[in-house]
Amino acid sequence: MNIKINTFTLKMIAIVSMLIDHMGAILFPQYIILRYIGRIAFPIYTYTLVEGFMHTRDIKKYMVRLGIFALLSEIPFDLAFRGSVIYIQKQNVFFTLFLGVLMLYLLLKSRNRIQSAALVLAILLLSEFLRTDYSSMGLLMILCFYVFRDNKVMKLLGVAAINVFLMGRVQVFAIPALIFIALHSGEQGPKCKKFFYGFYPVHLLALYLISVII
């Protein structure tokens, strides 16, 4: 039985997983299993980010779109997780994804391996300085999916190693995400671009409002 899933289905799995994770973090922190389920989301997001980077017609427009949603999501993110309109100690995941695409774009433009290594290191350090969600480890996942994009085994093993050996603890529950990624058919399916971008800030704001009400 040959089971394959398209990009739309893959993103929906990530969204459901993320929603469960954030419900656990914001509304039901006593149920740690919700956070375990939520670990599935980010590897899928990094994988689809690289796929989007490789197939987009306009990389700069792609970066601008990520940057805009990073800014739009910051207040909902801070409200949901810190109960504050502004919290500069942590930045939402769209900043990580933006830096990931910037990193890949700079790699395309780099002239040699030394320059490439320096650029990657600079972006990794920047993510740590800004304290973006998943920070440098998230960027390493993006880099792994990109560098081994033509080698399914290596990219899956590489991302698994990052989650287990470099991140550890609860992040080991991200491994099931690799099963869904391995089943990706490469087909797009319905795009629903506005929905996938808009869901992040909207659901965070909704969860915050629910937490205030209850």
N, C-alpha and C. Protein backbone atom coordinates (compact mmCIF):
# COMPACT_ATOMS: atom_id res chain seq x y z
N MET A 1 0.84 -1.20 0.00
CA MET A 1 0.00 0.00 0.00
C MET A 1 0.88 1.25 0.00
N ASN A 2 0.81 2.02 -1.08
CA ASN A 2 1.67 3.19 -1.25
C ASN A 2 0.93 4.45 -0.80
N ILE A 3 1.20 4.91 0.42
CA ILE A 3 0.53 6.09 0.96
C ILE A 3 1.37 7.33 0.68
N LYS A 4 0.76 8.34 0.07
CA LYS A 4 1.44 9.59 -0.20
C LYS A 4 0.54 10.76 0.21
N ILE A 5 1.14 11.83 0.68
CA ILE A 5 0.38 13.01 1.05
C ILE A 5 0.97 14.23 0.35
N ASN A 6 0.11 15.17 -0.01
CA ASN A 6 0.59 16.36 -0.71
C ASN A 6 0.95 17.46 0.29
N THR A 7 1.41 18.59 -0.24
CA THR A 7 1.88 19.69 0.61
C THR A 7 0.75 20.25 1.46
N PHE A 8 -0.44 20.37 0.89
CA PHE A 8 -1.58 20.90 1.64
C PHE A 8 -1.85 20.04 2.88
N THR A 9 -1.89 18.73 2.70
CA THR A 9 -2.14 17.81 3.82
C THR A 9 -1.03 17.91 4.86
N LEU A 10 0.19 18.02 4.38
CA LEU A 10 1.34 18.13 5.28
C LEU A 10 1.22 19.39 6.14
N LYS A 11 0.85 20.50 5.52
CA LYS A 11 0.69 21.75 6.27
C LYS A 11 -0.49 21.68 7.25
N MET A 12 -1.55 20.98 6.86
CA MET A 12 -2.69 20.84 7.77
C MET A 12 -2.31 20.01 9.00
N ILE A 13 -1.49 19.00 8.81
CA ILE A 13 -1.00 18.21 9.94
C ILE A 13 -0.20 19.10 10.88
N ALA A 14 0.63 19.97 10.30
CA ALA A 14 1.44 20.88 11.10
C ALA A 14 0.56 21.86 11.87
N ILE A 15 -0.46 22.39 11.21
CA ILE A 15 -1.35 23.37 11.85
C ILE A 15 -2.11 22.74 13.01
N VAL A 16 -2.65 21.55 12.80
CA VAL A 16 -3.39 20.86 13.88
C VAL A 16 -2.45 20.57 15.05
N SER A 17 -1.25 20.10 14.74
CA SER A 17 -0.28 19.81 15.79
C SER A 17 0.09 21.07 16.56
N MET A 18 0.31 22.17 15.84
CA MET A 18 0.66 23.44 16.47
C MET A 18 -0.47 23.95 17.36
N LEU A 19 -1.70 23.82 16.87
CA LEU A 19 -2.85 24.27 17.65
C LEU A 19 -2.96 23.48 18.95
N ILE A 20 -2.78 22.17 18.87
CA ILE A 20 -2.82 21.32 20.07
C ILE A 20 -1.71 21.73 21.04
N ASP A 21 -0.53 21.98 20.50
CA ASP A 21 0.61 22.40 21.31
C ASP A 21 0.32 23.69 22.05
N HIS A 22 -0.19 24.68 21.33
CA HIS A 22 -0.45 25.99 21.93
C HIS A 22 -1.63 25.96 22.89
N MET A 23 -2.60 25.10 22.63
CA MET A 23 -3.67 24.92 23.60
C MET A 23 -3.11 24.36 24.91
N GLY A 24 -2.17 23.45 24.77
CA GLY A 24 -1.52 22.89 25.95
C GLY A 24 -0.70 23.93 26.71
N ALA A 25 0.01 24.77 25.96
CA ALA A 25 0.87 25.78 26.60
C ALA A 25 0.06 26.89 27.25
N ILE A 26 -1.04 27.31 26.61
CA ILE A 26 -1.78 28.49 27.05
C ILE A 26 -2.98 28.15 27.93
N LEU A 27 -3.72 27.10 27.56
CA LEU A 27 -4.96 26.79 28.26
C LEU A 27 -4.86 25.60 29.22
N PHE A 28 -4.10 24.57 28.82
CA PHE A 28 -4.07 23.34 29.62
C PHE A 28 -2.63 22.89 29.90
N PRO A 29 -1.85 23.70 30.59
CA PRO A 29 -0.44 23.34 30.85
C PRO A 29 -0.26 22.07 31.68
N GLN A 30 -1.32 21.64 32.34
CA GLN A 30 -1.23 20.43 33.16
C GLN A 30 -1.19 19.15 32.31
N TYR A 31 -1.56 19.26 31.04
CA TYR A 31 -1.57 18.09 30.16
C TYR A 31 -0.36 18.12 29.23
N ILE A 32 0.74 17.58 29.70
CA ILE A 32 2.01 17.65 28.96
C ILE A 32 1.95 16.92 27.63
N ILE A 33 1.04 15.95 27.52
CA ILE A 33 0.92 15.20 26.27
C ILE A 33 0.57 16.11 25.09
N LEU A 34 -0.12 17.20 25.37
CA LEU A 34 -0.45 18.15 24.31
C LEU A 34 0.81 18.80 23.75
N ARG A 35 1.79 19.03 24.60
CA ARG A 35 3.06 19.60 24.15
C ARG A 35 3.86 18.58 23.36
N TYR A 36 3.73 17.30 23.74
CA TYR A 36 4.41 16.25 22.98
C TYR A 36 3.87 16.19 21.55
N ILE A 37 2.56 16.21 21.43
CA ILE A 37 1.92 16.18 20.10
C ILE A 37 2.36 17.40 19.28
N GLY A 38 2.52 18.52 19.96
CA GLY A 38 2.88 19.75 19.28
C GLY A 38 4.28 19.77 18.69
N ARG A 39 5.14 18.85 19.14
CA ARG A 39 6.51 18.83 18.60
C ARG A 39 6.53 18.44 17.12
N ILE A 40 5.45 17.86 16.64
CA ILE A 40 5.39 17.42 15.25
C ILE A 40 5.41 18.60 14.28
N ALA A 41 4.91 19.75 14.71
CA ALA A 41 4.68 20.86 13.79
C ALA A 41 5.94 21.45 13.18
N PHE A 42 6.92 21.80 14.00
CA PHE A 42 8.03 22.61 13.49
C PHE A 42 8.87 21.92 12.41
N PRO A 43 9.25 20.64 12.55
CA PRO A 43 10.00 20.02 11.44
C PRO A 43 9.24 20.06 10.12
N ILE A 44 7.91 19.93 10.18
CA ILE A 44 7.12 20.01 8.95
C ILE A 44 7.17 21.42 8.38
N TYR A 45 7.08 22.42 9.25
CA TYR A 45 7.16 23.80 8.77
C TYR A 45 8.52 24.10 8.13
N THR A 46 9.58 23.59 8.72
CA THR A 46 10.91 23.86 8.14
C THR A 46 11.07 23.14 6.80
N TYR A 47 10.52 21.94 6.72
CA TYR A 47 10.58 21.19 5.45
C TYR A 47 9.81 21.91 4.35
N THR A 48 8.58 22.33 4.65
CA THR A 48 7.77 23.00 3.63
C THR A 48 8.34 24.38 3.30
N LEU A 49 9.04 24.99 4.26
CA LEU A 49 9.72 26.26 3.98
C LEU A 49 10.78 26.07 2.91
N VAL A 50 11.59 25.03 3.07
CA VAL A 50 12.64 24.76 2.08
C VAL A 50 12.03 24.40 0.73
N GLU A 51 10.96 23.62 0.75
CA GLU A 51 10.28 23.29 -0.50
C GLU A 51 9.77 24.56 -1.17
N GLY A 52 9.21 25.47 -0.38
CA GLY A 52 8.73 26.73 -0.91
C GLY A 52 9.86 27.57 -1.47
N PHE A 53 10.99 27.59 -0.78
CA PHE A 53 12.16 28.33 -1.24
C PHE A 53 12.65 27.81 -2.59
N MET A 54 12.64 26.50 -2.74
CA MET A 54 13.15 25.89 -3.96
C MET A 54 12.23 26.08 -5.16
N HIS A 55 10.95 26.34 -4.89
CA HIS A 55 10.00 26.42 -5.99
C HIS A 55 9.41 27.82 -6.20
N THR A 56 9.71 28.76 -5.30
CA THR A 56 9.15 30.09 -5.45
C THR A 56 9.71 30.81 -6.67
N ARG A 57 8.89 31.65 -7.27
CA ARG A 57 9.34 32.43 -8.42
C ARG A 57 10.07 33.70 -8.00
N ASP A 58 9.85 34.11 -6.76
CA ASP A 58 10.43 35.36 -6.28
C ASP A 58 10.86 35.20 -4.83
N ILE A 59 12.14 34.92 -4.61
CA ILE A 59 12.65 34.67 -3.27
C ILE A 59 12.53 35.91 -2.39
N LYS A 60 12.79 37.07 -2.96
CA LYS A 60 12.71 38.31 -2.18
C LYS A 60 11.29 38.57 -1.69
N LYS A 61 10.32 38.31 -2.55
CA LYS A 61 8.92 38.49 -2.16
C LYS A 61 8.55 37.48 -1.06
N TYR A 62 9.11 36.29 -1.16
CA TYR A 62 8.90 35.25 -0.15
C TYR A 62 9.41 35.73 1.20
N MET A 63 10.61 36.33 1.22
CA MET A 63 11.18 36.85 2.46
C MET A 63 10.36 38.00 3.02
N VAL A 64 9.92 38.89 2.14
CA VAL A 64 9.12 40.03 2.59
C VAL A 64 7.83 39.55 3.25
N ARG A 65 7.20 38.55 2.64
CA ARG A 65 5.95 38.02 3.18
C ARG A 65 6.18 37.42 4.58
N LEU A 66 7.26 36.68 4.74
CA LEU A 66 7.58 36.11 6.04
C LEU A 66 7.88 37.20 7.06
N GLY A 67 8.60 38.23 6.62
CA GLY A 67 8.93 39.33 7.50
C GLY A 67 7.70 40.08 7.97
N ILE A 68 6.76 40.31 7.07
CA ILE A 68 5.53 41.01 7.42
C ILE A 68 4.74 40.22 8.46
N PHE A 69 4.62 38.91 8.25
CA PHE A 69 3.86 38.11 9.21
C PHE A 69 4.61 37.92 10.52
N ALA A 70 5.94 38.02 10.49
CA ALA A 70 6.69 38.00 11.74
C ALA A 70 6.32 39.21 12.58
N LEU A 71 6.22 40.36 11.95
CA LEU A 71 5.85 41.58 12.66
C LEU A 71 4.39 41.54 13.12
N LEU A 72 3.51 41.06 12.24
CA LEU A 72 2.08 40.99 12.59
C LEU A 72 1.82 40.00 13.72
N SER A 73 2.65 38.99 13.82
CA SER A 73 2.42 37.92 14.81
C SER A 73 3.02 38.22 16.17
N GLU A 74 3.88 39.23 16.26
CA GLU A 74 4.63 39.41 17.50
C GLU A 74 3.75 39.79 18.69
N ILE A 75 2.81 40.71 18.50
CA ILE A 75 1.94 41.08 19.62
C ILE A 75 1.04 39.91 20.04
N PRO A 76 0.38 39.21 19.11
CA PRO A 76 -0.38 38.02 19.53
C PRO A 76 0.48 36.98 20.23
N PHE A 77 1.71 36.81 19.75
CA PHE A 77 2.65 35.86 20.36
C PHE A 77 2.97 36.27 21.80
N ASP A 78 3.30 37.54 21.99
CA ASP A 78 3.65 38.03 23.32
C ASP A 78 2.46 37.97 24.27
N LEU A 79 1.28 38.31 23.77
CA LEU A 79 0.08 38.24 24.60
C LEU A 79 -0.23 36.80 25.02
N ALA A 80 -0.14 35.89 24.04
CA ALA A 80 -0.51 34.50 24.30
C ALA A 80 0.44 33.82 25.28
N PHE A 81 1.74 34.06 25.13
CA PHE A 81 2.70 33.31 25.94
C PHE A 81 3.25 34.08 27.13
N ARG A 82 3.14 35.42 27.10
CA ARG A 82 3.68 36.21 28.20
C ARG A 82 2.65 37.14 28.85
N GLY A 83 1.47 37.25 28.23
CA GLY A 83 0.46 38.13 28.77
C GLY A 83 0.83 39.59 28.69
N SER A 84 1.72 39.93 27.78
CA SER A 84 2.21 41.29 27.62
C SER A 84 2.17 41.69 26.15
N VAL A 85 1.87 42.97 25.90
CA VAL A 85 1.83 43.44 24.51
C VAL A 85 3.21 43.38 23.86
N ILE A 86 4.22 43.70 24.64
CA ILE A 86 5.60 43.66 24.14
C ILE A 86 6.47 42.88 25.12
N TYR A 87 7.15 41.87 24.59
CA TYR A 87 8.10 41.07 25.38
C TYR A 87 9.31 40.79 24.49
N ILE A 88 10.38 41.51 24.71
CA ILE A 88 11.52 41.47 23.77
C ILE A 88 12.44 40.28 23.99
N GLN A 89 12.19 39.49 25.03
CA GLN A 89 13.08 38.38 25.33
C GLN A 89 12.85 37.14 24.46
N LYS A 90 11.77 37.15 23.68
CA LYS A 90 11.47 35.99 22.83
C LYS A 90 10.70 36.46 21.61
N GLN A 91 11.09 35.95 20.42
CA GLN A 91 10.41 36.36 19.19
C GLN A 91 9.72 35.15 18.55
N ASN A 92 8.62 35.42 17.85
CA ASN A 92 7.81 34.34 17.30
C ASN A 92 8.50 33.57 16.17
N VAL A 93 7.94 32.44 15.82
CA VAL A 93 8.58 31.51 14.90
C VAL A 93 8.71 32.06 13.48
N PHE A 94 7.88 33.03 13.11
CA PHE A 94 8.02 33.61 11.78
C PHE A 94 9.37 34.29 11.60
N PHE A 95 9.94 34.82 12.69
CA PHE A 95 11.28 35.41 12.61
C PHE A 95 12.31 34.33 12.28
N THR A 96 12.13 33.15 12.87
CA THR A 96 13.03 32.03 12.58
C THR A 96 12.94 31.62 11.11
N LEU A 97 11.70 31.53 10.62
CA LEU A 97 11.49 31.14 9.23
C LEU A 97 12.04 32.20 8.27
N PHE A 98 11.86 33.46 8.64
CA PHE A 98 12.42 34.56 7.82
C PHE A 98 13.94 34.45 7.76
N LEU A 99 14.58 34.26 8.90
CA LEU A 99 16.04 34.12 8.93
C LEU A 99 16.48 32.88 8.15
N GLY A 100 15.65 31.84 8.18
CA GLY A 100 15.99 30.63 7.43
C GLY A 100 16.04 30.88 5.94
N VAL A 101 15.04 31.58 5.42
CA VAL A 101 15.03 31.88 3.99
C VAL A 101 16.16 32.85 3.64
N LEU A 102 16.41 33.82 4.52
CA LEU A 102 17.53 34.75 4.31
C LEU A 102 18.84 33.98 4.24
N MET A 103 19.02 33.02 5.13
CA MET A 103 20.22 32.20 5.14
C MET A 103 20.39 31.43 3.83
N LEU A 104 19.31 30.82 3.35
CA LEU A 104 19.38 30.05 2.10
C LEU A 104 19.65 30.97 0.91
N TYR A 105 19.06 32.15 0.93
CA TYR A 105 19.27 33.12 -0.14
C TYR A 105 20.74 33.57 -0.18
N LEU A 106 21.31 33.83 0.98
CA LEU A 106 22.71 34.24 1.04
C LEU A 106 23.64 33.11 0.60
N LEU A 107 23.26 31.88 0.90
CA LEU A 107 24.06 30.73 0.45
C LEU A 107 24.07 30.65 -1.07
N LEU A 108 22.94 30.95 -1.68
CA LEU A 108 22.88 30.95 -3.15
C LEU A 108 23.81 31.99 -3.73
N LYS A 109 23.97 33.10 -3.03
CA LYS A 109 24.77 34.21 -3.53
C LYS A 109 26.24 34.12 -3.14
N SER A 110 26.57 33.24 -2.21
CA SER A 110 27.95 33.16 -1.73
C SER A 110 28.87 32.61 -2.81
N ARG A 111 30.13 32.99 -2.72
CA ARG A 111 31.11 32.66 -3.76
C ARG A 111 31.93 31.41 -3.46
N ASN A 112 32.07 31.06 -2.20
CA ASN A 112 32.89 29.91 -1.84
C ASN A 112 32.43 29.33 -0.51
N ARG A 113 33.03 28.23 -0.11
CA ARG A 113 32.60 27.54 1.11
C ARG A 113 32.91 28.33 2.37
N ILE A 114 34.02 29.04 2.37
CA ILE A 114 34.37 29.84 3.54
C ILE A 114 33.34 30.95 3.76
N GLN A 115 32.97 31.61 2.67
CA GLN A 115 31.95 32.65 2.76
C GLN A 115 30.61 32.06 3.19
N SER A 116 30.28 30.90 2.66
CA SER A 116 29.03 30.23 3.02
C SER A 116 28.99 29.91 4.51
N ALA A 117 30.10 29.35 5.02
CA ALA A 117 30.17 28.99 6.43
C ALA A 117 30.05 30.23 7.32
N ALA A 118 30.69 31.32 6.90
CA ALA A 118 30.64 32.57 7.68
C ALA A 118 29.22 33.12 7.70
N LEU A 119 28.52 33.05 6.56
CA LEU A 119 27.15 33.56 6.48
C LEU A 119 26.21 32.74 7.36
N VAL A 120 26.35 31.43 7.30
CA VAL A 120 25.51 30.55 8.12
C VAL A 120 25.75 30.83 9.60
N LEU A 121 27.01 30.94 9.98
CA LEU A 121 27.34 31.21 11.38
C LEU A 121 26.75 32.54 11.84
N ALA A 122 26.83 33.55 10.98
CA ALA A 122 26.29 34.88 11.31
C ALA A 122 24.78 34.82 11.54
N ILE A 123 24.06 34.09 10.68
CA ILE A 123 22.61 33.97 10.83
C ILE A 123 22.25 33.17 12.08
N LEU A 124 23.02 32.12 12.36
CA LEU A 124 22.78 31.34 13.57
C LEU A 124 22.96 32.19 14.83
N LEU A 125 24.02 32.99 14.84
CA LEU A 125 24.27 33.86 15.99
C LEU A 125 23.20 34.94 16.11
N LEU A 126 22.73 35.44 14.97
CA LEU A 126 21.68 36.45 14.98
C LEU A 126 20.40 35.89 15.58
N SER A 127 20.07 34.65 15.24
CA SER A 127 18.86 34.03 15.78
C SER A 127 18.96 33.85 17.28
N GLU A 128 20.17 33.54 17.78
CA GLU A 128 20.37 33.41 19.22
C GLU A 128 20.27 34.78 19.90
N PHE A 129 20.83 35.79 19.26
CA PHE A 129 20.78 37.14 19.82
C PHE A 129 19.34 37.66 19.91
N LEU A 130 18.56 37.39 18.85
CA LEU A 130 17.17 37.84 18.82
C LEU A 130 16.26 36.94 19.65
N ARG A 131 16.77 35.74 19.99
CA ARG A 131 15.99 34.76 20.76
C ARG A 131 14.70 34.39 20.02
N THR A 132 14.85 34.03 18.79
CA THR A 132 13.70 33.59 18.00
C THR A 132 13.28 32.20 18.45
N ASP A 133 12.04 31.86 18.21
CA ASP A 133 11.51 30.55 18.59
C ASP A 133 12.31 29.46 17.87
N TYR A 134 12.82 28.50 18.60
CA TYR A 134 13.67 27.41 18.12
C TYR A 134 15.07 27.89 17.75
N SER A 135 15.27 29.17 17.63
CA SER A 135 16.58 29.82 17.41
C SER A 135 17.50 29.06 16.43
N SER A 136 18.76 28.89 16.81
CA SER A 136 19.74 28.31 15.88
C SER A 136 19.44 26.85 15.55
N MET A 137 18.82 26.12 16.47
CA MET A 137 18.49 24.72 16.19
C MET A 137 17.43 24.63 15.09
N GLY A 138 16.50 25.56 15.09
CA GLY A 138 15.51 25.61 14.02
C GLY A 138 16.16 25.90 12.68
N LEU A 139 17.14 26.80 12.69
CA LEU A 139 17.85 27.12 11.45
C LEU A 139 18.69 25.94 10.96
N LEU A 140 19.23 25.16 11.89
CA LEU A 140 19.99 23.97 11.49
C LEU A 140 19.08 22.95 10.81
N MET A 141 17.84 22.85 11.27
CA MET A 141 16.88 21.95 10.61
C MET A 141 16.62 22.42 9.19
N ILE A 142 16.43 23.72 9.02
CA ILE A 142 16.21 24.28 7.69
C ILE A 142 17.42 24.00 6.80
N LEU A 143 18.61 24.22 7.34
CA LEU A 143 19.84 23.99 6.58
C LEU A 143 19.98 22.53 6.19
N CYS A 144 19.62 21.63 7.10
CA CYS A 144 19.72 20.20 6.83
C CYS A 144 18.77 19.78 5.71
N PHE A 145 17.53 20.27 5.77
CA PHE A 145 16.58 19.96 4.70
C PHE A 145 17.04 20.50 3.35
N TYR A 146 17.75 21.63 3.39
CA TYR A 146 18.22 22.25 2.14
C TYR A 146 19.46 21.54 1.58
N VAL A 147 20.44 21.33 2.42
CA VAL A 147 21.70 20.72 1.97
C VAL A 147 21.48 19.30 1.45
N PHE A 148 20.60 18.54 2.12
CA PHE A 148 20.34 17.15 1.73
C PHE A 148 19.00 17.01 1.01
N ARG A 149 18.59 18.07 0.31
CA ARG A 149 17.27 18.07 -0.34
C ARG A 149 17.10 16.96 -1.36
N ASP A 150 18.18 16.47 -1.91
CA ASP A 150 18.10 15.40 -2.91
C ASP A 150 18.41 14.03 -2.33
N ASN A 151 18.58 13.97 -1.02
CA ASN A 151 18.90 12.70 -0.36
C ASN A 151 17.93 12.51 0.81
N LYS A 152 16.85 11.79 0.57
CA LYS A 152 15.79 11.66 1.57
C LYS A 152 16.30 11.06 2.87
N VAL A 153 17.13 10.05 2.79
CA VAL A 153 17.61 9.37 4.00
C VAL A 153 18.45 10.32 4.85
N MET A 154 19.38 11.02 4.22
CA MET A 154 20.29 11.90 4.96
C MET A 154 19.55 13.08 5.60
N LYS A 155 18.59 13.65 4.89
CA LYS A 155 17.90 14.81 5.48
C LYS A 155 17.02 14.38 6.64
N LEU A 156 16.41 13.21 6.56
CA LEU A 156 15.58 12.72 7.66
C LEU A 156 16.44 12.34 8.87
N LEU A 157 17.54 11.66 8.62
CA LEU A 157 18.45 11.30 9.71
C LEU A 157 19.08 12.53 10.35
N GLY A 158 19.43 13.50 9.50
CA GLY A 158 20.05 14.73 10.01
C GLY A 158 19.11 15.50 10.92
N VAL A 159 17.86 15.67 10.50
CA VAL A 159 16.89 16.40 11.31
C VAL A 159 16.56 15.61 12.58
N ALA A 160 16.50 14.28 12.47
CA ALA A 160 16.27 13.46 13.65
C ALA A 160 17.40 13.65 14.66
N ALA A 161 18.63 13.70 14.17
CA ALA A 161 19.79 13.88 15.05
C ALA A 161 19.75 15.23 15.75
N ILE A 162 19.35 16.27 15.03
CA ILE A 162 19.26 17.60 15.62
C ILE A 162 18.25 17.61 16.77
N ASN A 163 17.10 17.00 16.53
CA ASN A 163 16.05 16.97 17.55
C ASN A 163 16.42 16.13 18.76
N VAL A 164 17.06 15.00 18.52
CA VAL A 164 17.37 14.07 19.61
C VAL A 164 18.64 14.46 20.36
N PHE A 165 19.72 14.73 19.61
CA PHE A 165 21.02 14.93 20.26
C PHE A 165 21.35 16.38 20.58
N LEU A 166 20.85 17.32 19.80
CA LEU A 166 21.17 18.72 20.05
C LEU A 166 20.09 19.42 20.86
N MET A 167 18.84 19.00 20.69
CA MET A 167 17.75 19.65 21.41
C MET A 167 17.27 18.80 22.59
N GLY A 168 17.05 17.52 22.35
CA GLY A 168 16.73 16.59 23.41
C GLY A 168 15.42 16.86 24.14
N ARG A 169 15.26 16.20 25.27
CA ARG A 169 14.08 16.30 26.12
C ARG A 169 12.78 16.17 25.32
N VAL A 170 11.88 17.13 25.46
CA VAL A 170 10.56 17.01 24.83
C VAL A 170 10.65 17.00 23.30
N GLN A 171 11.75 17.54 22.76
CA GLN A 171 11.86 17.64 21.31
C GLN A 171 12.03 16.29 20.62
N VAL A 172 12.33 15.25 21.36
CA VAL A 172 12.42 13.92 20.75
C VAL A 172 11.07 13.48 20.19
N PHE A 173 10.00 14.09 20.70
CA PHE A 173 8.66 13.75 20.21
C PHE A 173 8.37 14.38 18.85
N ALA A 174 9.36 15.08 18.29
CA ALA A 174 9.22 15.61 16.94
C ALA A 174 9.48 14.55 15.87
N ILE A 175 10.05 13.43 16.26
CA ILE A 175 10.44 12.40 15.31
C ILE A 175 9.29 11.90 14.43
N PRO A 176 8.06 11.72 14.97
CA PRO A 176 6.96 11.28 14.09
C PRO A 176 6.72 12.20 12.90
N ALA A 177 7.12 13.47 13.01
CA ALA A 177 6.94 14.39 11.89
C ALA A 177 7.69 13.90 10.66
N LEU A 178 8.79 13.21 10.88
CA LEU A 178 9.62 12.74 9.77
C LEU A 178 8.91 11.65 8.96
N ILE A 179 7.99 10.95 9.60
CA ILE A 179 7.20 9.95 8.88
C ILE A 179 6.31 10.63 7.86
N PHE A 180 5.64 11.72 8.29
CA PHE A 180 4.78 12.46 7.38
C PHE A 180 5.59 13.10 6.25
N ILE A 181 6.76 13.61 6.59
CA ILE A 181 7.63 14.22 5.57
C ILE A 181 8.08 13.17 4.56
N ALA A 182 8.39 11.98 5.05
CA ALA A 182 8.82 10.90 4.15
C ALA A 182 7.72 10.49 3.19
N LEU A 183 6.48 10.70 3.59
CA LEU A 183 5.33 10.33 2.76
C LEU A 183 4.93 11.43 1.78
N HIS A 184 5.65 12.54 1.81
CA HIS A 184 5.31 13.66 0.93
C HIS A 184 5.49 13.28 -0.54
N SER A 185 4.45 13.51 -1.31
CA SER A 185 4.46 13.12 -2.72
C SER A 185 5.14 14.14 -3.62
N GLY A 186 5.33 15.36 -3.09
CA GLY A 186 5.88 16.43 -3.91
C GLY A 186 4.81 17.23 -4.62
N GLU A 187 3.58 16.75 -4.57
CA GLU A 187 2.47 17.47 -5.20
C GLU A 187 1.98 18.58 -4.26
N GLN A 188 1.50 19.67 -4.85
CA GLN A 188 1.12 20.85 -4.07
C GLN A 188 -0.23 20.70 -3.38
N GLY A 189 -1.26 20.35 -4.14
CA GLY A 189 -2.61 20.36 -3.59
C GLY A 189 -3.12 21.79 -3.50
N PRO A 190 -4.26 22.03 -2.86
CA PRO A 190 -4.76 23.41 -2.71
C PRO A 190 -3.74 24.28 -2.00
N LYS A 191 -3.53 25.50 -2.49
CA LYS A 191 -2.50 26.36 -1.91
C LYS A 191 -2.95 27.02 -0.61
N CYS A 192 -4.07 27.72 -0.62
CA CYS A 192 -4.61 28.36 0.59
C CYS A 192 -3.54 29.17 1.33
N LYS A 193 -2.77 29.93 0.58
CA LYS A 193 -1.63 30.66 1.14
C LYS A 193 -2.03 31.60 2.26
N LYS A 194 -3.11 32.36 2.06
CA LYS A 194 -3.54 33.33 3.07
C LYS A 194 -3.95 32.64 4.36
N PHE A 195 -4.60 31.49 4.22
CA PHE A 195 -5.02 30.75 5.41
C PHE A 195 -3.82 30.28 6.22
N PHE A 196 -2.82 29.70 5.56
CA PHE A 196 -1.67 29.15 6.27
C PHE A 196 -0.84 30.25 6.94
N TYR A 197 -0.73 31.38 6.30
CA TYR A 197 0.00 32.49 6.92
C TYR A 197 -0.81 33.14 8.04
N GLY A 198 -2.08 33.37 7.79
CA GLY A 198 -2.91 34.08 8.75
C GLY A 198 -3.28 33.28 9.98
N PHE A 199 -3.27 31.96 9.87
CA PHE A 199 -3.70 31.13 11.00
C PHE A 199 -2.85 31.36 12.24
N TYR A 200 -1.56 31.55 12.05
CA TYR A 200 -0.64 31.67 13.19
C TYR A 200 -1.01 32.85 14.11
N PRO A 201 -1.01 34.09 13.62
CA PRO A 201 -1.37 35.18 14.54
C PRO A 201 -2.81 35.13 15.02
N VAL A 202 -3.74 34.69 14.17
CA VAL A 202 -5.15 34.66 14.54
C VAL A 202 -5.40 33.65 15.66
N HIS A 203 -4.83 32.45 15.54
CA HIS A 203 -5.10 31.45 16.57
C HIS A 203 -4.43 31.82 17.90
N LEU A 204 -3.27 32.49 17.84
CA LEU A 204 -2.63 32.93 19.08
C LEU A 204 -3.48 33.98 19.80
N LEU A 205 -4.01 34.92 19.03
CA LEU A 205 -4.86 35.95 19.62
C LEU A 205 -6.14 35.33 20.20
N ALA A 206 -6.70 34.36 19.47
CA ALA A 206 -7.92 33.69 19.94
C ALA A 206 -7.66 32.93 21.24
N LEU A 207 -6.56 32.22 21.31
CA LEU A 207 -6.22 31.47 22.53
C LEU A 207 -5.97 32.41 23.71
N TYR A 208 -5.36 33.54 23.43
CA TYR A 208 -5.14 34.52 24.50
C TYR A 208 -6.46 35.03 25.05
N LEU A 209 -7.38 35.38 24.14
CA LEU A 209 -8.68 35.90 24.56
C LEU A 209 -9.45 34.86 25.36
N ILE A 210 -9.37 33.60 24.93
CA ILE A 210 -10.04 32.52 25.66
C ILE A 210 -9.44 32.39 27.06
N SER A 211 -8.10 32.47 27.15
CA SER A 211 -7.44 32.35 28.45
C SER A 211 -7.84 33.47 29.39
N VAL A 212 -8.08 34.65 28.85
CA VAL A 212 -8.52 35.78 29.66
C VAL A 212 -9.94 35.58 30.16
N ILE A 213 -10.79 35.06 29.28
CA ILE A 213 -12.20 34.87 29.63
C ILE A 213 -12.39 33.79 30.69
N ILE A 214 -11.63 32.69 30.55
CA ILE A 214 -11.82 31.59 31.49
C ILE A 214 -10.94 31.74 32.74
